[in-house]
Amino acid sequence: ETALERTNKKFIKRFNYLEAEAKKI
């Protein structure tokens, strides 16, 4: 459960970065 939740958080952080960078362009 902890391992999967850490991966969830990692994915969300990366996806949020992707959204922010796309918005910049």
PDB file of all heavy atoms in Angstrom:
ATOM      1  N   GLU A   1       0.836  -1.207   0.000  1.00  0.00           N
ATOM      2  CA  GLU A   1       0.000   0.000   0.000  1.00  0.00           C
ATOM      3  C   GLU A   1       0.865   1.250   0.000  1.00  0.00           C
ATOM      4  O   GLU A   1       0.637   2.181  -0.781  1.00  0.00           O
ATOM      5  CB  GLU A   1      -0.911  -0.011   1.239  1.00  0.00           C
ATOM      6  CG  GLU A   1      -1.646   1.280   1.503  1.00  0.00           C
ATOM      7  CD  GLU A   1      -2.716   1.607   0.473  1.00  0.00           C
ATOM      8  OE1 GLU A   1      -3.133   0.684  -0.260  1.00  0.00           O
ATOM      9  OE2 GLU A   1      -3.122   2.779   0.398  1.00  0.00           O
ATOM     10  N   THR A   2       1.888   1.273   0.853  1.00  0.00           N
ATOM     11  CA  THR A   2       2.796   2.416   0.908  1.00  0.00           C
ATOM     12  C   THR A   2       3.562   2.563  -0.400  1.00  0.00           C
ATOM     13  O   THR A   2       3.710   3.678  -0.928  1.00  0.00           O
ATOM     14  CB  THR A   2       3.784   2.257   2.069  1.00  0.00           C
ATOM     15  OG1 THR A   2       3.055   2.152   3.299  1.00  0.00           O
ATOM     16  CG2 THR A   2       4.738   3.439   2.159  1.00  0.00           C
ATOM     17  N   ALA A   3       4.041   1.447  -0.931  1.00  0.00           N
ATOM     18  CA  ALA A   3       4.808   1.487  -2.181  1.00  0.00           C
ATOM     19  C   ALA A   3       3.964   2.036  -3.323  1.00  0.00           C
ATOM     20  O   ALA A   3       4.415   2.897  -4.100  1.00  0.00           O
ATOM     21  CB  ALA A   3       5.312   0.088  -2.526  1.00  0.00           C
ATOM     22  N   LEU A   4       2.714   1.560  -3.430  1.00  0.00           N
ATOM     23  CA  LEU A   4       1.851   2.015  -4.511  1.00  0.00           C
ATOM     24  C   LEU A   4       1.476   3.479  -4.332  1.00  0.00           C
ATOM     25  O   LEU A   4       1.435   4.245  -5.306  1.00  0.00           O
ATOM     26  CB  LEU A   4       0.589   1.159  -4.576  1.00  0.00           C
ATOM     27  CG  LEU A   4      -0.397   1.489  -5.691  1.00  0.00           C
ATOM     28  CD1 LEU A   4       0.271   1.414  -7.062  1.00  0.00           C
ATOM     29  CD2 LEU A   4      -1.614   0.570  -5.642  1.00  0.00           C
ATOM     30  N   GLU A   5       1.226   3.908  -3.105  1.00  0.00           N
ATOM     31  CA  GLU A   5       0.854   5.301  -2.882  1.00  0.00           C
ATOM     32  C   GLU A   5       2.022   6.234  -3.198  1.00  0.00           C
ATOM     33  O   GLU A   5       1.823   7.335  -3.728  1.00  0.00           O
ATOM     34  CB  GLU A   5       0.379   5.508  -1.442  1.00  0.00           C
ATOM     35  CG  GLU A   5      -0.084   6.922  -1.125  1.00  0.00           C
ATOM     36  CD  GLU A   5      -1.197   7.439  -2.036  1.00  0.00           C
ATOM     37  OE1 GLU A   5      -1.827   6.634  -2.766  1.00  0.00           O
ATOM     38  OE2 GLU A   5      -1.433   8.658  -2.039  1.00  0.00           O
ATOM     39  N   ARG A   6       3.244   5.812  -2.887  1.00  0.00           N
ATOM     40  CA  ARG A   6       4.406   6.636  -3.251  1.00  0.00           C
ATOM     41  C   ARG A   6       4.507   6.760  -4.779  1.00  0.00           C
ATOM     42  O   ARG A   6       4.854   7.823  -5.306  1.00  0.00           O
ATOM     43  CB  ARG A   6       5.684   6.036  -2.673  1.00  0.00           C
ATOM     44  CG  ARG A   6       5.779   6.130  -1.151  1.00  0.00           C
ATOM     45  CD  ARG A   6       7.172   5.792  -0.664  1.00  0.00           C
ATOM     46  NE  ARG A   6       7.237   5.679   0.775  1.00  0.00           N
ATOM     47  CZ  ARG A   6       7.245   6.722   1.624  1.00  0.00           C
ATOM     48  NH1 ARG A   6       7.204   7.952   1.144  1.00  0.00           N
ATOM     49  NH2 ARG A   6       7.299   6.525   2.929  1.00  0.00           N
ATOM     50  N   THR A   7       4.208   5.687  -5.483  1.00  0.00           N
ATOM     51  CA  THR A   7       4.217   5.738  -6.943  1.00  0.00           C
ATOM     52  C   THR A   7       3.099   6.639  -7.460  1.00  0.00           C
ATOM     53  O   THR A   7       3.292   7.397  -8.419  1.00  0.00           O
ATOM     54  CB  THR A   7       4.074   4.319  -7.531  1.00  0.00           C
ATOM     55  OG1 THR A   7       5.221   3.545  -7.153  1.00  0.00           O
ATOM     56  CG2 THR A   7       3.990   4.355  -9.041  1.00  0.00           C
ATOM     57  N   ASN A   8       1.922   6.567  -6.814  1.00  0.00           N
ATOM     58  CA  ASN A   8       0.825   7.468  -7.187  1.00  0.00           C
ATOM     59  C   ASN A   8       1.262   8.921  -7.072  1.00  0.00           C
ATOM     60  O   ASN A   8       1.039   9.741  -7.977  1.00  0.00           O
ATOM     61  CB  ASN A   8      -0.391   7.241  -6.276  1.00  0.00           C
ATOM     62  CG  ASN A   8      -1.101   5.936  -6.556  1.00  0.00           C
ATOM     63  OD1 ASN A   8      -0.981   5.372  -7.645  1.00  0.00           O
ATOM     64  ND2 ASN A   8      -1.836   5.446  -5.584  1.00  0.00           N
ATOM     65  N   LYS A   9       1.872   9.257  -5.944  1.00  0.00           N
ATOM     66  CA  LYS A   9       2.301  10.632  -5.700  1.00  0.00           C
ATOM     67  C   LYS A   9       3.366  11.063  -6.714  1.00  0.00           C
ATOM     68  O   LYS A   9       3.373  12.199  -7.190  1.00  0.00           O
ATOM     69  CB  LYS A   9       2.824  10.773  -4.264  1.00  0.00           C
ATOM     70  CG  LYS A   9       1.734  10.711  -3.203  1.00  0.00           C
ATOM     71  CD  LYS A   9       2.319  10.866  -1.812  1.00  0.00           C
ATOM     72  CE  LYS A   9       1.223  10.892  -0.760  1.00  0.00           C
ATOM     73  NZ  LYS A   9       0.362  12.090  -0.866  1.00  0.00           N
ATOM     74  N   LYS A  10       4.264  10.135  -7.037  1.00  0.00           N
ATOM     75  CA  LYS A  10       5.314  10.424  -8.020  1.00  0.00           C
ATOM     76  C   LYS A  10       4.703  10.693  -9.388  1.00  0.00           C
ATOM     77  O   LYS A  10       5.094  11.645 -10.077  1.00  0.00           O
ATOM     78  CB  LYS A  10       6.288   9.244  -8.075  1.00  0.00           C
ATOM     79  CG  LYS A  10       7.427   9.427  -9.063  1.00  0.00           C
ATOM     80  CD  LYS A  10       8.441   8.291  -8.921  1.00  0.00           C
ATOM     81  CE  LYS A  10       7.835   6.944  -9.220  1.00  0.00           C
ATOM     82  NZ  LYS A  10       8.827   5.850  -9.126  1.00  0.00           N
ATOM     83  N   PHE A  11       3.734   9.869  -9.776  1.00  0.00           N
ATOM     84  CA  PHE A  11       3.079  10.053 -11.074  1.00  0.00           C
ATOM     85  C   PHE A  11       2.351  11.398 -11.113  1.00  0.00           C
ATOM     86  O   PHE A  11       2.447  12.131 -12.109  1.00  0.00           O
ATOM     87  CB  PHE A  11       2.092   8.916 -11.334  1.00  0.00           C
ATOM     88  CG  PHE A  11       1.410   9.018 -12.664  1.00  0.00           C
ATOM     89  CD1 PHE A  11       1.939   8.399 -13.785  1.00  0.00           C
ATOM     90  CD2 PHE A  11       0.227   9.740 -12.805  1.00  0.00           C
ATOM     91  CE1 PHE A  11       1.321   8.508 -15.025  1.00  0.00           C
ATOM     92  CE2 PHE A  11      -0.404   9.856 -14.032  1.00  0.00           C
ATOM     93  CZ  PHE A  11       0.141   9.238 -15.148  1.00  0.00           C
ATOM     94  N   ILE A  12       1.627  11.728 -10.051  1.00  0.00           N
ATOM     95  CA  ILE A  12       0.874  12.989 -10.005  1.00  0.00           C
ATOM     96  C   ILE A  12       1.822  14.178 -10.123  1.00  0.00           C
ATOM     97  O   ILE A  12       1.547  15.145 -10.857  1.00  0.00           O
ATOM     98  CB  ILE A  12       0.048  13.071  -8.703  1.00  0.00           C
ATOM     99  CG1 ILE A  12      -1.085  12.046  -8.747  1.00  0.00           C
ATOM    100  CG2 ILE A  12      -0.504  14.480  -8.491  1.00  0.00           C
ATOM    101  CD1 ILE A  12      -1.794  11.854  -7.426  1.00  0.00           C
ATOM    102  N   LYS A  13       2.946  14.118  -9.428  1.00  0.00           N
ATOM    103  CA  LYS A  13       3.917  15.212  -9.475  1.00  0.00           C
ATOM    104  C   LYS A  13       4.466  15.392 -10.889  1.00  0.00           C
ATOM    105  O   LYS A  13       4.564  16.523 -11.401  1.00  0.00           O
ATOM    106  CB  LYS A  13       5.053  14.941  -8.495  1.00  0.00           C
ATOM    107  CG  LYS A  13       6.069  16.070  -8.387  1.00  0.00           C
ATOM    108  CD  LYS A  13       7.123  15.747  -7.339  1.00  0.00           C
ATOM    109  CE  LYS A  13       8.143  16.868  -7.225  1.00  0.00           C
ATOM    110  NZ  LYS A  13       9.190  16.550  -6.217  1.00  0.00           N
ATOM    111  N   ARG A  14       4.815  14.282 -11.531  1.00  0.00           N
ATOM    112  CA  ARG A  14       5.333  14.359 -12.901  1.00  0.00           C
ATOM    113  C   ARG A  14       4.265  14.867 -13.868  1.00  0.00           C
ATOM    114  O   ARG A  14       4.552  15.666 -14.763  1.00  0.00           O
ATOM    115  CB  ARG A  14       5.828  12.982 -13.352  1.00  0.00           C
ATOM    116  CG  ARG A  14       7.071  12.497 -12.638  1.00  0.00           C
ATOM    117  CD  ARG A  14       7.433  11.088 -13.093  1.00  0.00           C
ATOM    118  NE  ARG A  14       8.589  10.561 -12.384  1.00  0.00           N
ATOM    119  CZ  ARG A  14       9.068   9.331 -12.551  1.00  0.00           C
ATOM    120  NH1 ARG A  14       8.474   8.519 -13.416  1.00  0.00           N
ATOM    121  NH2 ARG A  14      10.117   8.925 -11.871  1.00  0.00           N
ATOM    122  N   PHE A  15       3.032  14.396 -13.691  1.00  0.00           N
ATOM    123  CA  PHE A  15       1.956  14.802 -14.600  1.00  0.00           C
ATOM    124  C   PHE A  15       1.634  16.276 -14.423  1.00  0.00           C
ATOM    125  O   PHE A  15       1.373  16.983 -15.412  1.00  0.00           O
ATOM    126  CB  PHE A  15       0.708  13.948 -14.349  1.00  0.00           C
ATOM    127  CG  PHE A  15      -0.307  14.034 -15.441  1.00  0.00           C
ATOM    128  CD1 PHE A  15      -0.189  13.257 -16.590  1.00  0.00           C
ATOM    129  CD2 PHE A  15      -1.385  14.900 -15.349  1.00  0.00           C
ATOM    130  CE1 PHE A  15      -1.114  13.345 -17.613  1.00  0.00           C
ATOM    131  CE2 PHE A  15      -2.318  14.992 -16.370  1.00  0.00           C
ATOM    132  CZ  PHE A  15      -2.184  14.210 -17.506  1.00  0.00           C
ATOM    133  N   ASN A  16       1.667  16.756 -13.175  1.00  0.00           N
ATOM    134  CA  ASN A  16       1.435  18.179 -12.934  1.00  0.00           C
ATOM    135  C   ASN A  16       2.507  19.034 -13.604  1.00  0.00           C
ATOM    136  O   ASN A  16       2.226  20.107 -14.132  1.00  0.00           O
ATOM    137  CB  ASN A  16       1.406  18.462 -11.429  1.00  0.00           C
ATOM    138  CG  ASN A  16       0.137  17.956 -10.771  1.00  0.00           C
ATOM    139  OD1 ASN A  16      -0.852  17.679 -11.427  1.00  0.00           O
ATOM    140  ND2 ASN A  16       0.163  17.824  -9.456  1.00  0.00           N
ATOM    141  N   TYR A  17       3.756  18.549 -13.582  1.00  0.00           N
ATOM    142  CA  TYR A  17       4.849  19.255 -14.262  1.00  0.00           C
ATOM    143  C   TYR A  17       4.589  19.292 -15.768  1.00  0.00           C
ATOM    144  O   TYR A  17       4.762  20.329 -16.426  1.00  0.00           O
ATOM    145  CB  TYR A  17       6.173  18.562 -13.972  1.00  0.00           C
ATOM    146  CG  TYR A  17       7.356  19.196 -14.677  1.00  0.00           C
ATOM    147  CD1 TYR A  17       8.042  20.260 -14.086  1.00  0.00           C
ATOM    148  CD2 TYR A  17       7.792  18.738 -15.925  1.00  0.00           C
ATOM    149  CE1 TYR A  17       9.128  20.845 -14.736  1.00  0.00           C
ATOM    150  CE2 TYR A  17       8.871  19.318 -16.573  1.00  0.00           C
ATOM    151  CZ  TYR A  17       9.535  20.377 -15.969  1.00  0.00           C
ATOM    152  OH  TYR A  17      10.604  20.963 -16.608  1.00  0.00           O
ATOM    153  N   LEU A  18       4.166  18.175 -16.302  1.00  0.00           N
ATOM    154  CA  LEU A  18       3.858  18.081 -17.726  1.00  0.00           C
ATOM    155  C   LEU A  18       2.774  19.090 -18.112  1.00  0.00           C
ATOM    156  O   LEU A  18       2.904  19.815 -19.109  1.00  0.00           O
ATOM    157  CB  LEU A  18       3.404  16.653 -18.053  1.00  0.00           C
ATOM    158  CG  LEU A  18       2.763  16.375 -19.412  1.00  0.00           C
ATOM    159  CD1 LEU A  18       3.708  16.746 -20.539  1.00  0.00           C
ATOM    160  CD2 LEU A  18       2.369  14.911 -19.513  1.00  0.00           C
ATOM    161  N   GLU A  19       1.716  19.156 -17.308  1.00  0.00           N
ATOM    162  CA  GLU A  19       0.632  20.102 -17.584  1.00  0.00           C
ATOM    163  C   GLU A  19       1.130  21.551 -17.528  1.00  0.00           C
ATOM    164  O   GLU A  19       0.778  22.383 -18.376  1.00  0.00           O
ATOM    165  CB  GLU A  19      -0.501  19.917 -16.582  1.00  0.00           C
ATOM    166  CG  GLU A  19      -1.282  18.622 -16.766  1.00  0.00           C
ATOM    167  CD  GLU A  19      -2.356  18.458 -15.707  1.00  0.00           C
ATOM    168  OE1 GLU A  19      -2.038  18.636 -14.502  1.00  0.00           O
ATOM    169  OE2 GLU A  19      -3.510  18.150 -16.065  1.00  0.00           O
ATOM    170  N   ALA A  20       1.948  21.845 -16.509  1.00  0.00           N
ATOM    171  CA  ALA A  20       2.445  23.220 -16.333  1.00  0.00           C
ATOM    172  C   ALA A  20       3.347  23.632 -17.494  1.00  0.00           C
ATOM    173  O   ALA A  20       3.261  24.770 -18.001  1.00  0.00           O
ATOM    174  CB  ALA A  20       3.195  23.330 -15.008  1.00  0.00           C
ATOM    175  N   GLU A  21       4.231  22.728 -17.937  1.00  0.00           N
ATOM    176  CA  GLU A  21       5.142  23.050 -19.031  1.00  0.00           C
ATOM    177  C   GLU A  21       4.398  23.196 -20.352  1.00  0.00           C
ATOM    178  O   GLU A  21       4.743  24.047 -21.184  1.00  0.00           O
ATOM    179  CB  GLU A  21       6.228  21.973 -19.141  1.00  0.00           C
ATOM    180  CG  GLU A  21       7.185  21.933 -17.959  1.00  0.00           C
ATOM    181  CD  GLU A  21       7.876  23.269 -17.723  1.00  0.00           C
ATOM    182  OE1 GLU A  21       8.475  23.810 -18.685  1.00  0.00           O
ATOM    183  OE2 GLU A  21       7.793  23.796 -16.595  1.00  0.00           O
ATOM    184  N   ALA A  22       3.366  22.378 -20.535  1.00  0.00           N
ATOM    185  CA  ALA A  22       2.564  22.489 -21.756  1.00  0.00           C
ATOM    186  C   ALA A  22       1.847  23.838 -21.793  1.00  0.00           C
ATOM    187  O   ALA A  22       1.764  24.494 -22.841  1.00  0.00           O
ATOM    188  CB  ALA A  22       1.550  21.350 -21.815  1.00  0.00           C
ATOM    189  N   LYS A  23       1.370  24.260 -20.634  1.00  0.00           N
ATOM    190  CA  LYS A  23       0.675  25.547 -20.553  1.00  0.00           C
ATOM    191  C   LYS A  23       1.612  26.702 -20.892  1.00  0.00           C
ATOM    192  O   LYS A  23       1.202  27.692 -21.514  1.00  0.00           O
ATOM    193  CB  LYS A  23       0.094  25.719 -19.149  1.00  0.00           C
ATOM    194  CG  LYS A  23      -0.815  26.915 -18.989  1.00  0.00           C
ATOM    195  CD  LYS A  23      -1.448  26.943 -17.600  1.00  0.00           C
ATOM    196  CE  LYS A  23      -2.391  28.134 -17.476  1.00  0.00           C
ATOM    197  NZ  LYS A  23      -3.018  28.177 -16.128  1.00  0.00           N
ATOM    198  N   LYS A  24       2.899  26.570 -20.497  1.00  0.00           N
ATOM    199  CA  LYS A  24       3.877  27.628 -20.767  1.00  0.00           C
ATOM    200  C   LYS A  24       4.070  27.854 -22.262  1.00  0.00           C
ATOM    201  O   LYS A  24       4.361  28.974 -22.692  1.00  0.00           O
ATOM    202  CB  LYS A  24       5.221  27.279 -20.122  1.00  0.00           C
ATOM    203  CG  LYS A  24       5.248  27.414 -18.612  1.00  0.00           C
ATOM    204  CD  LYS A  24       6.626  27.035 -18.068  1.00  0.00           C
ATOM    205  CE  LYS A  24       6.680  27.101 -16.551  1.00  0.00           C
ATOM    206  NZ  LYS A  24       7.998  26.691 -16.016  1.00  0.00           N
ATOM    207  N   ILE A  25       3.938  26.794 -23.050  1.00  0.00           N
ATOM    208  CA  ILE A  25       4.119  26.934 -24.500  1.00  0.00           C
ATOM    209  C   ILE A  25       2.773  27.088 -25.217  1.00  0.00           C
ATOM    210  O   ILE A  25       2.690  26.965 -26.437  1.00  0.00           O
ATOM    211  CB  ILE A  25       4.920  25.748 -25.086  1.00  0.00           C
ATOM    212  CG1 ILE A  25       4.183  24.428 -24.868  1.00  0.00           C
ATOM    213  CG2 ILE A  25       6.312  25.692 -24.488  1.00  0.00           C
ATOM    214  CD1 ILE A  25       4.842  23.232 -25.561  1.00  0.00           C
TER     215      ILE A  25
END
